[in-house]
Amino acid sequence: MNTESNYMQWAKSRPKVKYDLALSGILNLPFTELEAKIEDLDLNGDNAYGYGPLIDGLASHCGVSSESVVTISGGTSMANHLAMAAALEHGDEILIEQPTYEPLLAVAEYFSAQIKRFSRSFENNFSVDVDEIAGQITARTRLIVLTNLHNPSSSLVDEETLRQIGELARGVGARVLVDEVYLEAMFEGAPRSSVYLGSEFISTSSLTKGYGLSGLRCGWILAEPKLAQQMRLLNDLFGAVGPQPAERLSVVALAKLPKFIARAKKILESNRAVLSEFFDSREELKVVRTDSGTTSFPLLMKGRVEDLCTLLHEKYDTAVVPGRFFESPQHFRIGMCAEPELFKSGVERLGAALNEMRA
């Protein structure tokens, strides 16, 4: 049984750098920009199974009924943990995309699930092949897991593909868990949540990636009401009640999302343009380009990514995420989330490191 996440250990303990291209969530918002008032806060309140105003705010944000919303104080990671705990029994079969975000795989291993994989390959633009899932699914399958936008590549799974996956799951009595946290970074251009496609869908998300609100740890699960209630009761074993101050501040944040969206768009648009120009100039990098999302996942054609990461840190005070955390050792993940001037300088340092390796 796996009881740890190698990626989270790395993310929490990696050395700080000035030019951080490893960030996957928008640059943290200063507290003053939240413009919270002292009367917005309290240490205690009625939130036994979620703070009512937060549940209602998230229901409005997601366009679902309040009965379908489960609030989670541990962000999307804890939401995924609780969703899997509710959907799986010991030894159940689970299909998970490959490559994927390592903690998703680690949680499935923790639950001693029988794990099978379906590919989202670079050669296929990290898309999902429904026919491959159809060939993998069995009567023992209880859960299909994918990320949308894909983590690490930011590739979008379209609604028709999700619908077909749902039909396959329904045919064997399985559910489909879709981690949708990066859809938040598509803002008003985001497609509707997968939960609209049928009761077999479970979606997870949070305010952590698209808005610079990581410190609130405001996560949620969307599911059909009966399953949502099962998750609330199951969460009694994990989290008891959420932190009242953070839940109240999350309500404040939800009311001011347009302001935070404008800030995030400015950061992403500037950094995406810089990164696109950089990719145009680099023959040793191949990449599936996307118009949305906060991350990119280039393939290094020559040399070792681990050597590049070491050189970036030791000489250039710069960081990217090694692809080994996504089962792709020749790739690395770049996050377009830093302050634009620092991001531009970081990309220049990445270019210098690549030049040095090539020489």
Foldseek 3Di string as FASTA:
>chain_A
DQDDAPVVVCVVPPDAFLQEQADQAFAADPPVVLVDDPVLFDQDDPQQQHDVLLLVLVCVVQVHDSLQKGKDLQFQLVVLLLVCVLQDAQAFEEEEEALAQRSNVSSCVVSNYNYDYFYLDVVNLREGDLVRVLVVDDLRHAEYEAEACGVPARNHHDLVSLLSNCVSQVVNNHAYEYEDAQLVQCPPNRDRDNQVNDQSYKYKYAPCHRQSHVVLSIIMMGHPSVSSVVSSVVCCVPPRGHRRRSSSSVSSCSVVRVVSSVVSVVLQVLLLVLVVVLVVPDPQWDWSDDPTGFKTKIFGNDDWVVVLQVCCVPPVSYHWAACVSRVRRRITMTGSRDRNVSNNSRSVSSVVSVVVVVD
